[in-house]
């Protein structure tokens, strides 16, 4: 295995390859994403512990979904238990995956602590607990969360993007996997920039425009029936495209051609 350097336009190709992969088993992939979203929503209902649990098992779930992508390419059936594939590996791999979960949880908590010093969260609490109109100051705080949160999350995403797979499939140590993941993302930052911009348009801008259009004709309640399945399909394809980024950045050229 070696690190591959790709051109910026490869970012678009990853999305196209994610669509191709999704088509191999759309019901199987939709089932996995629905399971994750449903479980995450249930976990959030459990104070403190639920959020910690979701963060802790995120690397495990990442390996599971990537394993499902490989199964789809090999025309194998995708089962829900694929999410536990990393935990069924050797004790060494399992311990390293759990270590990644602890590291990810710690980094997210640290990010939240920094955001709490930059943004007035107390101003946002009434927005979630009442139907009162949103004040201009609250809107400003929301934008601050999105901007600062996104910028602070970038290095975390670079560390965690490939590290679970590098641990599970390439038997790397945790420090080596984190370093390799960060270097891979930085080396191919042009492709990742285009990749993330396109997904930002698909998952954020388009649903926002559609929602505003429905609001303009007094059909805001009907908008969710259109946006929800569209967003779920887009989120699933995005997860499938993660496998394309792995193939492009790390896999041998002969193997990478499977998604061409």
C-alpha atoms as a PDB file:
ATOM      1  CA  UNK A   1       0.000   0.000   0.000  1.00  0.00           C
ATOM      2  CA  UNK A   2       1.191   3.487  -0.843  1.00  0.00           C
ATOM      3  CA  UNK A   3      -0.176   7.008  -0.773  1.00  0.00           C
ATOM      4  CA  UNK A   4      -1.436   8.159  -4.164  1.00  0.00           C
ATOM      5  CA  UNK A   5      -1.515  11.795  -5.282  1.00  0.00           C
ATOM      6  CA  UNK A   6      -4.598  12.710  -7.322  1.00  0.00           C
ATOM      7  CA  UNK A   7      -5.626  15.776  -9.305  1.00  0.00           C
ATOM      8  CA  UNK A   8      -8.285  18.198  -7.942  1.00  0.00           C
ATOM      9  CA  UNK A   9     -10.836  17.057 -10.537  1.00  0.00           C
ATOM     10  CA  UNK A  10     -10.760  13.639  -8.879  1.00  0.00           C
ATOM     11  CA  UNK A  11     -13.037  15.123  -6.214  1.00  0.00           C
ATOM     12  CA  UNK A  12     -15.911  15.071  -8.713  1.00  0.00           C
ATOM     13  CA  UNK A  13     -14.995  11.554  -9.809  1.00  0.00           C
ATOM     14  CA  UNK A  14     -15.327  10.314  -6.220  1.00  0.00           C
ATOM     15  CA  UNK A  15     -18.951  11.435  -6.157  1.00  0.00           C
ATOM     16  CA  UNK A  16     -19.650   9.790  -9.497  1.00  0.00           C
ATOM     17  CA  UNK A  17     -18.061   6.582  -8.226  1.00  0.00           C
ATOM     18  CA  UNK A  18     -20.118   6.824  -5.030  1.00  0.00           C
ATOM     19  CA  UNK A  19     -23.285   6.914  -7.158  1.00  0.00           C
ATOM     20  CA  UNK A  20     -22.095   3.836  -9.048  1.00  0.00           C
ATOM     21  CA  UNK A  21     -21.398   2.017  -5.778  1.00  0.00           C
ATOM     22  CA  UNK A  22     -24.785   2.997  -4.361  1.00  0.00           C
ATOM     23  CA  UNK A  23     -26.483   1.481  -7.401  1.00  0.00           C
ATOM     24  CA  UNK A  24     -24.897  -1.899  -6.643  1.00  0.00           C
ATOM     25  CA  UNK A  25     -27.090  -2.337  -3.557  1.00  0.00           C
ATOM     26  CA  UNK A  26     -29.268   0.729  -2.850  1.00  0.00           C
ATOM     27  CA  UNK A  27     -31.544  -0.988  -0.342  1.00  0.00           C
ATOM     28  CA  UNK A  28     -28.625  -2.386   1.629  1.00  0.00           C
ATOM     29  CA  UNK A  29     -26.867   0.968   1.875  1.00  0.00           C
ATOM     30  CA  UNK A  30     -30.066   2.847   2.721  1.00  0.00           C
ATOM     31  CA  UNK A  31     -30.721   0.311   5.481  1.00  0.00           C
ATOM     32  CA  UNK A  32     -27.285   0.935   7.016  1.00  0.00           C
ATOM     33  CA  UNK A  33     -27.613   4.723   6.943  1.00  0.00           C
ATOM     34  CA  UNK A  34     -31.162   4.599   8.312  1.00  0.00           C
ATOM     35  CA  UNK A  35     -29.952   2.338  11.149  1.00  0.00           C
ATOM     36  CA  UNK A  36     -27.189   4.789  12.015  1.00  0.00           C
ATOM     37  CA  UNK A  37     -29.465   7.865  11.940  1.00  0.00           C
ATOM     38  CA  UNK A  38     -32.156   6.103  13.968  1.00  0.00           C
ATOM     39  CA  UNK A  39     -29.678   4.804  16.561  1.00  0.00           C
ATOM     40  CA  UNK A  40     -28.025   8.226  16.839  1.00  0.00           C
ATOM     41  CA  UNK A  41     -31.378   9.918  17.434  1.00  0.00           C
ATOM     42  CA  UNK A  42     -32.227   7.405  20.157  1.00  0.00           C
ATOM     43  CA  UNK A  43     -28.805   7.803  21.760  1.00  0.00           C
ATOM     44  CA  UNK A  44     -29.168  11.582  21.937  1.00  0.00           C
ATOM     45  CA  UNK A  45     -32.271  11.077  24.089  1.00  0.00           C
ATOM     46  CA  UNK A  46     -30.031   9.528  26.767  1.00  0.00           C
ATOM     47  CA  UNK A  47     -28.394  12.462  28.602  1.00  0.00           C
ATOM     48  CA  UNK A  48     -24.597  12.674  28.241  1.00  0.00           C
ATOM     49  CA  UNK A  49     -24.026   8.904  27.952  1.00  0.00           C
ATOM     50  CA  UNK A  50     -25.842   8.646  24.611  1.00  0.00           C
ATOM     51  CA  UNK A  51     -23.690  11.269  22.890  1.00  0.00           C
ATOM     52  CA  UNK A  52     -20.514   9.713  24.284  1.00  0.00           C
ATOM     53  CA  UNK A  53     -21.594   6.293  23.001  1.00  0.00           C
ATOM     54  CA  UNK A  54     -22.212   7.575  19.466  1.00  0.00           C
ATOM     55  CA  UNK A  55     -18.827   9.318  19.334  1.00  0.00           C
ATOM     56  CA  UNK A  56     -17.037   6.301  20.784  1.00  0.00           C
ATOM     57  CA  UNK A  57     -18.348   3.834  18.202  1.00  0.00           C
ATOM     58  CA  UNK A  58     -18.016   6.166  15.197  1.00  0.00           C
ATOM     59  CA  UNK A  59     -14.717   4.585  13.980  1.00  0.00           C
ATOM     60  CA  UNK A  60     -16.278   1.119  14.401  1.00  0.00           C
ATOM     61  CA  UNK A  61     -19.280   2.109  12.284  1.00  0.00           C
ATOM     62  CA  UNK A  62     -16.967   3.671   9.694  1.00  0.00           C
ATOM     63  CA  UNK A  63     -15.124   0.382   9.228  1.00  0.00           C
ATOM     64  CA  UNK A  64     -18.458  -1.428   9.033  1.00  0.00           C
ATOM     65  CA  UNK A  65     -19.820   0.771   6.265  1.00  0.00           C
ATOM     66  CA  UNK A  66     -16.575   0.565   4.288  1.00  0.00           C
ATOM     67  CA  UNK A  67     -16.720  -3.217   4.629  1.00  0.00           C
ATOM     68  CA  UNK A  68     -20.252  -3.103   3.247  1.00  0.00           C
ATOM     69  CA  UNK A  69     -18.958  -1.117   0.259  1.00  0.00           C
ATOM     70  CA  UNK A  70     -16.397  -3.817  -0.416  1.00  0.00           C
ATOM     71  CA  UNK A  71     -19.093  -6.471  -0.119  1.00  0.00           C
ATOM     72  CA  UNK A  72     -21.296  -4.628  -2.623  1.00  0.00           C
ATOM     73  CA  UNK A  73     -18.449  -4.541  -5.152  1.00  0.00           C
ATOM     74  CA  UNK A  74     -17.976  -8.282  -4.666  1.00  0.00           C
ATOM     75  CA  UNK A  75     -21.751  -8.804  -5.127  1.00  0.00           C
ATOM     76  CA  UNK A  76     -22.146 -10.066  -1.565  1.00  0.00           C
ATOM     77  CA  UNK A  77     -25.226  -9.495   0.552  1.00  0.00           C
ATOM     78  CA  UNK A  78     -25.081  -6.556   2.986  1.00  0.00           C
ATOM     79  CA  UNK A  79     -26.263  -7.423   6.488  1.00  0.00           C
ATOM     80  CA  UNK A  80     -26.799  -5.125   9.498  1.00  0.00           C
ATOM     81  CA  UNK A  81     -24.144  -6.988  11.493  1.00  0.00           C
ATOM     82  CA  UNK A  82     -21.491  -5.658   9.103  1.00  0.00           C
ATOM     83  CA  UNK A  83     -21.320  -2.652  11.423  1.00  0.00           C
ATOM     84  CA  UNK A  84     -19.630  -4.912  13.994  1.00  0.00           C
ATOM     85  CA  UNK A  85     -16.984  -6.259  11.627  1.00  0.00           C
ATOM     86  CA  UNK A  86     -14.203  -4.243  13.289  1.00  0.00           C
ATOM     87  CA  UNK A  87     -15.119  -5.642  16.706  1.00  0.00           C
ATOM     88  CA  UNK A  88     -14.950  -9.190  15.349  1.00  0.00           C
ATOM     89  CA  UNK A  89     -11.330  -8.727  14.267  1.00  0.00           C
ATOM     90  CA  UNK A  90      -8.291  -9.664  16.368  1.00  0.00           C
ATOM     91  CA  UNK A  91      -8.110  -8.264  19.919  1.00  0.00           C
ATOM     92  CA  UNK A  92      -5.301  -5.929  18.811  1.00  0.00           C
ATOM     93  CA  UNK A  93      -7.372  -4.395  15.993  1.00  0.00           C
ATOM     94  CA  UNK A  94     -10.428  -4.158  18.221  1.00  0.00           C
ATOM     95  CA  UNK A  95      -8.486  -2.333  20.925  1.00  0.00           C
ATOM     96  CA  UNK A  96      -6.995   0.087  18.394  1.00  0.00           C
ATOM     97  CA  UNK A  97     -10.429   0.876  16.935  1.00  0.00           C
ATOM     98  CA  UNK A  98     -11.754   1.592  20.414  1.00  0.00           C
ATOM     99  CA  UNK A  99      -8.709   3.794  21.067  1.00  0.00           C
ATOM    100  CA  UNK A 100      -9.599   5.761  17.937  1.00  0.00           C
ATOM    101  CA  UNK A 101     -13.106   6.144  19.342  1.00  0.00           C
ATOM    102  CA  UNK A 102     -11.717   7.576  22.573  1.00  0.00           C
ATOM    103  CA  UNK A 103      -9.468   9.952  20.653  1.00  0.00           C
ATOM    104  CA  UNK A 104     -12.366  11.105  18.459  1.00  0.00           C
ATOM    105  CA  UNK A 105     -14.579  11.645  21.502  1.00  0.00           C
ATOM    106  CA  UNK A 106     -11.865  13.660  23.235  1.00  0.00           C
ATOM    107  CA  UNK A 107     -11.276  15.823  20.162  1.00  0.00           C
ATOM    108  CA  UNK A 108     -15.001  16.554  19.765  1.00  0.00           C
ATOM    109  CA  UNK A 109     -15.291  17.485  23.434  1.00  0.00           C
ATOM    110  CA  UNK A 110     -12.292  19.778  23.086  1.00  0.00           C
ATOM    111  CA  UNK A 111     -13.875  21.364  20.005  1.00  0.00           C
ATOM    112  CA  UNK A 112     -17.117  21.885  21.949  1.00  0.00           C
ATOM    113  CA  UNK A 113     -15.193  23.522  24.782  1.00  0.00           C
ATOM    114  CA  UNK A 114     -13.532  25.959  22.384  1.00  0.00           C
ATOM    115  CA  UNK A 115     -16.884  26.758  20.747  1.00  0.00           C
ATOM    116  CA  UNK A 116     -18.412  27.446  24.159  1.00  0.00           C
ATOM    117  CA  UNK A 117     -15.851  30.216  24.623  1.00  0.00           C
ATOM    118  CA  UNK A 118     -16.528  31.716  21.192  1.00  0.00           C
ATOM    119  CA  UNK A 119     -20.321  31.438  21.008  1.00  0.00           C
ATOM    120  CA  UNK A 120     -23.090  32.325  23.454  1.00  0.00           C
ATOM    121  CA  UNK A 121     -24.998  29.032  23.656  1.00  0.00           C
ATOM    122  CA  UNK A 122     -27.372  30.414  26.297  1.00  0.00           C
ATOM    123  CA  UNK A 123     -28.758  32.732  23.647  1.00  0.00           C
ATOM    124  CA  UNK A 124     -29.627  29.715  21.469  1.00  0.00           C
ATOM    125  CA  UNK A 125     -31.470  27.688  24.117  1.00  0.00           C
ATOM    126  CA  UNK A 126     -34.764  29.650  23.725  1.00  0.00           C
ATOM    127  CA  UNK A 127     -34.704  28.879  20.000  1.00  0.00           C
ATOM    128  CA  UNK A 128     -34.914  25.149  20.707  1.00  0.00           C
ATOM    129  CA  UNK A 129     -37.463  25.428  23.526  1.00  0.00           C
ATOM    130  CA  UNK A 130     -39.955  27.979  22.206  1.00  0.00           C
ATOM    131  CA  UNK A 131     -41.720  29.116  19.050  1.00  0.00           C
ATOM    132  CA  UNK A 132     -40.661  32.737  19.365  1.00  0.00           C
ATOM    133  CA  UNK A 133     -39.156  34.460  16.314  1.00  0.00           C
ATOM    134  CA  UNK A 134     -35.389  34.155  16.026  1.00  0.00           C
ATOM    135  CA  UNK A 135     -33.622  37.369  16.947  1.00  0.00           C
ATOM    136  CA  UNK A 136     -30.877  38.835  14.728  1.00  0.00           C
ATOM    137  CA  UNK A 137     -28.335  38.176  17.494  1.00  0.00           C
ATOM    138  CA  UNK A 138     -29.377  34.505  17.664  1.00  0.00           C
ATOM    139  CA  UNK A 139     -28.957  34.205  13.912  1.00  0.00           C
ATOM    140  CA  UNK A 140     -25.472  35.678  14.225  1.00  0.00           C
ATOM    141  CA  UNK A 141     -24.609  33.121  16.895  1.00  0.00           C
ATOM    142  CA  UNK A 142     -25.849  30.289  14.662  1.00  0.00           C
ATOM    143  CA  UNK A 143     -23.613  31.473  11.840  1.00  0.00           C
ATOM    144  CA  UNK A 144     -20.686  31.703  14.258  1.00  0.00           C
ATOM    145  CA  UNK A 145     -21.254  28.086  15.304  1.00  0.00           C
ATOM    146  CA  UNK A 146     -21.350  26.927  11.702  1.00  0.00           C
ATOM    147  CA  UNK A 147     -18.229  28.871  10.699  1.00  0.00           C
ATOM    148  CA  UNK A 148     -16.049  28.219  13.743  1.00  0.00           C
ATOM    149  CA  UNK A 149     -17.325  24.678  14.177  1.00  0.00           C
ATOM    150  CA  UNK A 150     -16.588  23.841  10.547  1.00  0.00           C
ATOM    151  CA  UNK A 151     -13.092  25.320  10.647  1.00  0.00           C
ATOM    152  CA  UNK A 152     -12.212  23.596  13.914  1.00  0.00           C
ATOM    153  CA  UNK A 153     -13.589  20.268  12.696  1.00  0.00           C
ATOM    154  CA  UNK A 154     -11.443  20.188   9.537  1.00  0.00           C
ATOM    155  CA  UNK A 155      -8.240  18.938  11.234  1.00  0.00           C
ATOM    156  CA  UNK A 156     -10.273  16.386  13.205  1.00  0.00           C
ATOM    157  CA  UNK A 157     -11.858  15.132   9.993  1.00  0.00           C
ATOM    158  CA  UNK A 158      -8.431  14.868   8.358  1.00  0.00           C
ATOM    159  CA  UNK A 159      -7.141  12.766  11.244  1.00  0.00           C
ATOM    160  CA  UNK A 160     -10.150  10.460  11.297  1.00  0.00           C
ATOM    161  CA  UNK A 161     -11.005  10.197   7.593  1.00  0.00           C
ATOM    162  CA  UNK A 162      -8.866   7.140   6.817  1.00  0.00           C
ATOM    163  CA  UNK A 163      -7.491   6.118  10.218  1.00  0.00           C
ATOM    164  CA  UNK A 164     -10.170   3.500  11.102  1.00  0.00           C
ATOM    165  CA  UNK A 165      -9.607   1.709   7.788  1.00  0.00           C
ATOM    166  CA  UNK A 166      -5.836   1.966   8.068  1.00  0.00           C
ATOM    167  CA  UNK A 167      -6.057   0.326  11.486  1.00  0.00           C
ATOM    168  CA  UNK A 168      -8.581  -2.355  10.507  1.00  0.00           C
ATOM    169  CA  UNK A 169      -7.367  -3.247   7.003  1.00  0.00           C
ATOM    170  CA  UNK A 170      -3.689  -2.269   7.018  1.00  0.00           C
ATOM    171  CA  UNK A 171      -2.888  -3.182  10.631  1.00  0.00           C
ATOM    172  CA  UNK A 172      -1.380   0.237  11.376  1.00  0.00           C
ATOM    173  CA  UNK A 173      -0.831   1.501  14.889  1.00  0.00           C
ATOM    174  CA  UNK A 174      -3.111   4.305  16.052  1.00  0.00           C
ATOM    175  CA  UNK A 175      -0.468   7.087  15.791  1.00  0.00           C
ATOM    176  CA  UNK A 176       0.654   5.864  12.360  1.00  0.00           C
ATOM    177  CA  UNK A 177      -2.937   5.672  11.092  1.00  0.00           C
ATOM    178  CA  UNK A 178      -3.784   9.172  12.330  1.00  0.00           C
ATOM    179  CA  UNK A 179      -0.637  10.605  10.762  1.00  0.00           C
ATOM    180  CA  UNK A 180      -1.166   8.779   7.452  1.00  0.00           C
ATOM    181  CA  UNK A 181      -4.798   9.907   7.267  1.00  0.00           C
ATOM    182  CA  UNK A 182      -3.864  13.544   7.878  1.00  0.00           C
ATOM    183  CA  UNK A 183      -1.065  13.438   5.285  1.00  0.00           C
ATOM    184  CA  UNK A 184      -3.327  11.801   2.699  1.00  0.00           C
ATOM    185  CA  UNK A 185      -6.020  14.462   3.128  1.00  0.00           C
ATOM    186  CA  UNK A 186      -3.490  17.299   3.039  1.00  0.00           C
ATOM    187  CA  UNK A 187      -1.636  15.908   0.021  1.00  0.00           C
ATOM    188  CA  UNK A 188      -4.904  15.627  -1.930  1.00  0.00           C
ATOM    189  CA  UNK A 189      -6.503  18.760  -0.457  1.00  0.00           C
ATOM    190  CA  UNK A 190      -7.475  20.084  -3.910  1.00  0.00           C
ATOM    191  CA  UNK A 191      -9.595  17.033  -4.657  1.00  0.00           C
ATOM    192  CA  UNK A 192     -11.091  17.037  -1.164  1.00  0.00           C
ATOM    193  CA  UNK A 193     -11.972  20.725  -1.472  1.00  0.00           C
ATOM    194  CA  UNK A 194     -13.943  20.145  -4.678  1.00  0.00           C
ATOM    195  CA  UNK A 195     -15.466  16.986  -3.204  1.00  0.00           C
ATOM    196  CA  UNK A 196     -16.716  18.773  -0.070  1.00  0.00           C
ATOM    197  CA  UNK A 197     -17.958  21.833  -1.963  1.00  0.00           C
ATOM    198  CA  UNK A 198     -20.094  19.647  -4.227  1.00  0.00           C
ATOM    199  CA  UNK A 199     -21.524  17.761  -1.253  1.00  0.00           C
ATOM    200  CA  UNK A 200     -22.192  21.065   0.497  1.00  0.00           C
ATOM    201  CA  UNK A 201     -24.285  22.155  -2.474  1.00  0.00           C
ATOM    202  CA  UNK A 202     -26.125  18.822  -2.680  1.00  0.00           C
ATOM    203  CA  UNK A 203     -26.844  18.323   1.022  1.00  0.00           C
ATOM    204  CA  UNK A 204     -27.198  21.920   2.244  1.00  0.00           C
ATOM    205  CA  UNK A 205     -27.768  24.444  -0.527  1.00  0.00           C
ATOM    206  CA  UNK A 206     -30.261  22.464  -2.630  1.00  0.00           C
ATOM    207  CA  UNK A 207     -32.523  21.424   0.301  1.00  0.00           C
ATOM    208  CA  UNK A 208     -32.408  25.018   1.580  1.00  0.00           C
ATOM    209  CA  UNK A 209     -33.455  26.407  -1.804  1.00  0.00           C
ATOM    210  CA  UNK A 210     -36.195  23.795  -2.170  1.00  0.00           C
ATOM    211  CA  UNK A 211     -37.488  24.577   1.331  1.00  0.00           C
ATOM    212  CA  UNK A 212     -37.536  28.307   0.628  1.00  0.00           C
ATOM    213  CA  UNK A 213     -39.378  27.660  -2.634  1.00  0.00           C
ATOM    214  CA  UNK A 214     -42.065  25.643  -0.845  1.00  0.00           C
ATOM    215  CA  UNK A 215     -42.353  28.357   1.821  1.00  0.00           C
ATOM    216  CA  UNK A 216     -42.862  30.966  -0.883  1.00  0.00           C
ATOM    217  CA  UNK A 217     -46.013  29.167  -2.089  1.00  0.00           C
ATOM    218  CA  UNK A 218     -47.264  28.327   1.453  1.00  0.00           C
ATOM    219  CA  UNK A 219     -46.386  24.631   1.185  1.00  0.00           C
ATOM    220  CA  UNK A 220     -43.788  24.487   3.936  1.00  0.00           C
ATOM    221  CA  UNK A 221     -45.360  21.380   5.516  1.00  0.00           C
ATOM    222  CA  UNK A 222     -45.166  19.496   2.228  1.00  0.00           C
ATOM    223  CA  UNK A 223     -41.491  20.357   1.808  1.00  0.00           C
ATOM    224  CA  UNK A 224     -40.373  17.726   4.329  1.00  0.00           C
ATOM    225  CA  UNK A 225     -41.978  14.951   2.272  1.00  0.00           C
ATOM    226  CA  UNK A 226     -39.754  15.938  -0.629  1.00  0.00           C
ATOM    227  CA  UNK A 227     -36.572  17.002   1.151  1.00  0.00           C
ATOM    228  CA  UNK A 228     -36.327  14.119   3.654  1.00  0.00           C
ATOM    229  CA  UNK A 229     -36.000  11.227   1.145  1.00  0.00           C
ATOM    230  CA  UNK A 230     -33.780  13.356  -1.088  1.00  0.00           C
ATOM    231  CA  UNK A 231     -31.460  14.133   1.816  1.00  0.00           C
ATOM    232  CA  UNK A 232     -31.387  10.495   2.948  1.00  0.00           C
ATOM    233  CA  UNK A 233     -30.443   9.333  -0.551  1.00  0.00           C
ATOM    234  CA  UNK A 234     -27.767  12.022  -0.825  1.00  0.00           C
ATOM    235  CA  UNK A 235     -26.354  11.139   2.610  1.00  0.00           C
ATOM    236  CA  UNK A 236     -26.179   7.471   1.619  1.00  0.00           C
ATOM    237  CA  UNK A 237     -24.390   8.196  -1.654  1.00  0.00           C
ATOM    238  CA  UNK A 238     -21.953  10.421   0.248  1.00  0.00           C
ATOM    239  CA  UNK A 239     -21.102   7.532   2.568  1.00  0.00           C
ATOM    240  CA  UNK A 240     -20.575   5.302  -0.463  1.00  0.00           C
ATOM    241  CA  UNK A 241     -18.220   7.888  -1.954  1.00  0.00           C
ATOM    242  CA  UNK A 242     -15.993   7.602   1.134  1.00  0.00           C
ATOM    243  CA  UNK A 243     -14.903   4.253  -0.275  1.00  0.00           C
ATOM    244  CA  UNK A 244     -13.948   5.970  -3.532  1.00  0.00           C
ATOM    245  CA  UNK A 245     -11.687   8.378  -1.620  1.00  0.00           C
ATOM    246  CA  UNK A 246      -9.979   5.393   0.012  1.00  0.00           C
ATOM    247  CA  UNK A 247      -9.431   3.648  -3.310  1.00  0.00           C
ATOM    248  CA  UNK A 248      -8.051   6.792  -4.909  1.00  0.00           C
ATOM    249  CA  UNK A 249      -5.699   7.799  -2.097  1.00  0.00           C
ATOM    250  CA  UNK A 250      -4.386   4.466  -0.855  1.00  0.00           C
ATOM    251  CA  UNK A 251      -5.332   1.481  -3.003  1.00  0.00           C
ATOM    252  CA  UNK A 252      -3.131   0.112  -5.740  1.00  0.00           C
ATOM    253  CA  UNK A 253      -4.009   1.334  -9.232  1.00  0.00           C
ATOM    254  CA  UNK A 254      -5.223  -2.100 -10.329  1.00  0.00           C
ATOM    255  CA  UNK A 255      -7.660  -2.216  -7.412  1.00  0.00           C
ATOM    256  CA  UNK A 256      -8.771   1.391  -7.829  1.00  0.00           C
ATOM    257  CA  UNK A 257      -9.961   0.703 -11.365  1.00  0.00           C
ATOM    258  CA  UNK A 258     -12.884  -1.266  -9.911  1.00  0.00           C
ATOM    259  CA  UNK A 259     -14.659   2.041  -9.333  1.00  0.00           C
ATOM    260  CA  UNK A 260     -13.663   3.687 -12.590  1.00  0.00           C
END
